[in-house]
Amino acid sequence: QVQLVESGGGLVQAGGSLRLSCAASGRTFSSYNMGWFRQAPGKEREFVAAISWSGGNTYYADSVKGRFTSSRDNGKNTVYLQMNSLKPEDTAVYYCAAYRTVVAGTPIPAYWGQGTRVTVSS
């Protein structure tokens, strides 16, 4: 069992930065790949970024590539999402998720956090 708690969301102006954190409980955290997803109002949840269990590989949606960076500290059971050059279209609730399974290139989360809201004003 892995429990995930996100933090770091808030209100920021366009062009600004935020760093989201996702703290995990459970001794198996380091064996999971971790993903970030987001859901904007009226839209479906979408993949944003992922990082492998070792931190050696990262993956990003085209919409955030070059602006967002995912990292993890297995010693602290925490994964991060550094978000730079934020745009109003990045406004959403951001969720972290733990996964081992990938189907057709899409992570299939086994555990989800409760989400943290990010609002980017123009």
C-alpha atoms as a PDB file:
ATOM      1  CA  GLN A   1       0.000   0.000   0.000  1.00  0.00           C
ATOM      2  CA  VAL A   2       1.287   3.456  -0.917  1.00  0.00           C
ATOM      3  CA  GLN A   3      -0.340   6.671   0.250  1.00  0.00           C
ATOM      4  CA  LEU A   4       0.448   9.873  -1.635  1.00  0.00           C
ATOM      5  CA  VAL A   5       0.005  13.464  -0.497  1.00  0.00           C
ATOM      6  CA  GLU A   6       0.626  16.357  -2.861  1.00  0.00           C
ATOM      7  CA  SER A   7       1.525  19.893  -1.847  1.00  0.00           C
ATOM      8  CA  GLY A   8       2.852  23.077  -3.388  1.00  0.00           C
ATOM      9  CA  GLY A   9      -0.067  24.175  -5.504  1.00  0.00           C
ATOM     10  CA  GLY A  10      -1.331  27.726  -5.515  1.00  0.00           C
ATOM     11  CA  LEU A  11      -1.953  30.850  -7.533  1.00  0.00           C
ATOM     12  CA  VAL A  12       0.825  32.174  -9.762  1.00  0.00           C
ATOM     13  CA  GLN A  13       1.049  34.658 -12.606  1.00  0.00           C
ATOM     14  CA  ALA A  14       1.794  33.531 -16.129  1.00  0.00           C
ATOM     15  CA  GLY A  15       5.517  33.083 -16.594  1.00  0.00           C
ATOM     16  CA  GLY A  16       6.011  32.161 -12.961  1.00  0.00           C
ATOM     17  CA  SER A  17       7.121  28.926 -11.320  1.00  0.00           C
ATOM     18  CA  LEU A  18       5.840  26.443  -8.788  1.00  0.00           C
ATOM     19  CA  ARG A  19       7.266  23.254  -7.372  1.00  0.00           C
ATOM     20  CA  LEU A  20       4.876  20.494  -6.483  1.00  0.00           C
ATOM     21  CA  SER A  21       5.835  17.797  -4.015  1.00  0.00           C
ATOM     22  CA  CYS A  22       4.338  14.379  -3.523  1.00  0.00           C
ATOM     23  CA  ALA A  23       5.178  12.663  -0.260  1.00  0.00           C
ATOM     24  CA  ALA A  24       4.685   8.917  -0.130  1.00  0.00           C
ATOM     25  CA  SER A  25       4.240   6.543   2.748  1.00  0.00           C
ATOM     26  CA  GLY A  26       5.164   2.911   2.533  1.00  0.00           C
ATOM     27  CA  ARG A  27       8.418   1.051   2.258  1.00  0.00           C
ATOM     28  CA  THR A  28       7.825   0.125  -1.389  1.00  0.00           C
ATOM     29  CA  PHE A  29       7.865   3.688  -2.728  1.00  0.00           C
ATOM     30  CA  SER A  30      11.263   3.292  -4.350  1.00  0.00           C
ATOM     31  CA  SER A  31      10.009   0.334  -6.393  1.00  0.00           C
ATOM     32  CA  TYR A  32       7.315   2.390  -8.126  1.00  0.00           C
ATOM     33  CA  ASN A  33       7.539   4.625 -11.121  1.00  0.00           C
ATOM     34  CA  MET A  34       5.829   7.918 -10.374  1.00  0.00           C
ATOM     35  CA  GLY A  35       3.617   9.977 -12.615  1.00  0.00           C
ATOM     36  CA  TRP A  36       2.025  13.391 -12.594  1.00  0.00           C
ATOM     37  CA  PHE A  37      -1.383  13.947 -14.116  1.00  0.00           C
ATOM     38  CA  ARG A  38      -3.667  16.957 -14.246  1.00  0.00           C
ATOM     39  CA  GLN A  39      -7.322  17.669 -14.737  1.00  0.00           C
ATOM     40  CA  ALA A  40      -8.504  21.061 -15.898  1.00  0.00           C
ATOM     41  CA  PRO A  41     -12.101  22.175 -15.353  1.00  0.00           C
ATOM     42  CA  GLY A  42     -14.404  20.428 -17.775  1.00  0.00           C
ATOM     43  CA  LYS A  43     -11.649  18.247 -19.191  1.00  0.00           C
ATOM     44  CA  GLU A  44     -10.458  14.708 -18.727  1.00  0.00           C
ATOM     45  CA  ARG A  45      -7.438  13.887 -16.628  1.00  0.00           C
ATOM     46  CA  GLU A  46      -4.277  13.895 -18.720  1.00  0.00           C
ATOM     47  CA  PHE A  47      -0.723  12.675 -18.354  1.00  0.00           C
ATOM     48  CA  VAL A  48       1.868  15.346 -17.583  1.00  0.00           C
ATOM     49  CA  ALA A  49       5.130  13.690 -16.584  1.00  0.00           C
ATOM     50  CA  ALA A  50       6.637  10.508 -15.219  1.00  0.00           C
ATOM     51  CA  ILE A  51       9.854   9.384 -13.624  1.00  0.00           C
ATOM     52  CA  SER A  52      11.177   5.861 -13.339  1.00  0.00           C
ATOM     53  CA  TRP A  53      11.678   4.148  -9.998  1.00  0.00           C
ATOM     54  CA  SER A  54      15.414   4.916 -10.054  1.00  0.00           C
ATOM     55  CA  GLY A  55      14.981   8.464 -11.311  1.00  0.00           C
ATOM     56  CA  GLY A  56      17.080   7.611 -14.331  1.00  0.00           C
ATOM     57  CA  ASN A  57      14.363   8.118 -16.895  1.00  0.00           C
ATOM     58  CA  THR A  58      11.798  10.868 -17.258  1.00  0.00           C
ATOM     59  CA  TYR A  59       8.928  11.370 -19.676  1.00  0.00           C
ATOM     60  CA  TYR A  60       6.870  14.442 -20.459  1.00  0.00           C
ATOM     61  CA  ALA A  61       3.770  15.391 -22.356  1.00  0.00           C
ATOM     62  CA  ASP A  62       4.557  17.568 -25.352  1.00  0.00           C
ATOM     63  CA  SER A  63       2.618  20.436 -23.791  1.00  0.00           C
ATOM     64  CA  VAL A  64       5.040  20.706 -20.850  1.00  0.00           C
ATOM     65  CA  LYS A  65       8.299  19.517 -22.373  1.00  0.00           C
ATOM     66  CA  GLY A  66      11.089  22.002 -21.722  1.00  0.00           C
ATOM     67  CA  ARG A  67       9.107  23.753 -18.970  1.00  0.00           C
ATOM     68  CA  PHE A  68       8.434  21.038 -16.384  1.00  0.00           C
ATOM     69  CA  THR A  69      10.969  18.784 -14.695  1.00  0.00           C
ATOM     70  CA  SER A  70      10.252  15.743 -12.565  1.00  0.00           C
ATOM     71  CA  SER A  71      12.667  14.447  -9.961  1.00  0.00           C
ATOM     72  CA  ARG A  72      12.566  12.181  -6.948  1.00  0.00           C
ATOM     73  CA  ASP A  73      14.357  11.575  -3.690  1.00  0.00           C
ATOM     74  CA  ASN A  74      13.848   7.961  -2.662  1.00  0.00           C
ATOM     75  CA  GLY A  75      15.540   8.634   0.650  1.00  0.00           C
ATOM     76  CA  LYS A  76      12.785  11.114   1.454  1.00  0.00           C
ATOM     77  CA  ASN A  77      10.008   9.141  -0.265  1.00  0.00           C
ATOM     78  CA  THR A  78       9.189  12.257  -2.271  1.00  0.00           C
ATOM     79  CA  VAL A  79       8.741  13.102  -5.914  1.00  0.00           C
ATOM     80  CA  TYR A  80       8.776  16.630  -7.283  1.00  0.00           C
ATOM     81  CA  LEU A  81       7.442  18.483 -10.276  1.00  0.00           C
ATOM     82  CA  GLN A  82       9.217  21.753 -11.012  1.00  0.00           C
ATOM     83  CA  MET A  83       7.005  23.883 -13.220  1.00  0.00           C
ATOM     84  CA  ASN A  84       8.515  26.896 -14.963  1.00  0.00           C
ATOM     85  CA  SER A  85       7.182  29.362 -17.521  1.00  0.00           C
ATOM     86  CA  LEU A  86       3.659  28.576 -16.430  1.00  0.00           C
ATOM     87  CA  LYS A  87       0.789  29.375 -18.753  1.00  0.00           C
ATOM     88  CA  PRO A  88      -2.910  29.913 -18.023  1.00  0.00           C
ATOM     89  CA  GLU A  89      -3.603  26.616 -19.801  1.00  0.00           C
ATOM     90  CA  ASP A  90      -1.590  24.843 -17.101  1.00  0.00           C
ATOM     91  CA  THR A  91      -4.382  25.641 -14.648  1.00  0.00           C
ATOM     92  CA  ALA A  92      -5.636  22.338 -13.248  1.00  0.00           C
ATOM     93  CA  VAL A  93      -5.680  20.035 -10.287  1.00  0.00           C
ATOM     94  CA  TYR A  94      -2.422  18.111 -10.316  1.00  0.00           C
ATOM     95  CA  TYR A  95      -2.229  14.536  -9.089  1.00  0.00           C
ATOM     96  CA  CYS A  96       0.711  12.315  -8.431  1.00  0.00           C
ATOM     97  CA  ALA A  97       0.395   8.600  -8.941  1.00  0.00           C
ATOM     98  CA  ALA A  98       2.436   5.471  -8.371  1.00  0.00           C
ATOM     99  CA  TYR A  99       2.521   2.881 -11.109  1.00  0.00           C
ATOM    100  CA  ARG A 100       4.311  -0.198 -12.345  1.00  0.00           C
ATOM    101  CA  THR A 101       2.184  -1.013 -15.379  1.00  0.00           C
ATOM    102  CA  VAL A 102       2.313   0.751 -18.720  1.00  0.00           C
ATOM    103  CA  VAL A 103      -0.170  -0.010 -21.491  1.00  0.00           C
ATOM    104  CA  ALA A 104       0.410   1.388 -24.966  1.00  0.00           C
ATOM    105  CA  GLY A 105       2.816   3.901 -23.511  1.00  0.00           C
ATOM    106  CA  THR A 106       0.348   5.117 -20.878  1.00  0.00           C
ATOM    107  CA  PRO A 107       1.040   4.603 -17.170  1.00  0.00           C
ATOM    108  CA  ILE A 108      -1.673   2.714 -15.330  1.00  0.00           C
ATOM    109  CA  PRO A 109      -1.580   4.078 -11.773  1.00  0.00           C
ATOM    110  CA  ALA A 110      -2.017   1.766  -8.839  1.00  0.00           C
ATOM    111  CA  TYR A 111      -2.238   4.617  -6.324  1.00  0.00           C
ATOM    112  CA  TRP A 112      -3.340   8.252  -6.553  1.00  0.00           C
ATOM    113  CA  GLY A 113      -2.871  11.299  -4.405  1.00  0.00           C
ATOM    114  CA  GLN A 114      -5.726  13.636  -3.567  1.00  0.00           C
ATOM    115  CA  GLY A 115      -4.514  16.411  -5.841  1.00  0.00           C
ATOM    116  CA  THR A 116      -3.277  19.970  -5.454  1.00  0.00           C
ATOM    117  CA  ARG A 117      -4.745  22.914  -7.336  1.00  0.00           C
ATOM    118  CA  VAL A 118      -2.623  25.103  -9.575  1.00  0.00           C
ATOM    119  CA  THR A 119      -4.061  28.327 -10.941  1.00  0.00           C
ATOM    120  CA  VAL A 120      -2.132  30.418 -13.436  1.00  0.00           C
ATOM    121  CA  SER A 121      -3.448  33.923 -14.006  1.00  0.00           C
ATOM    122  CA  SER A 122      -2.882  35.812 -17.238  1.00  0.00           C
END
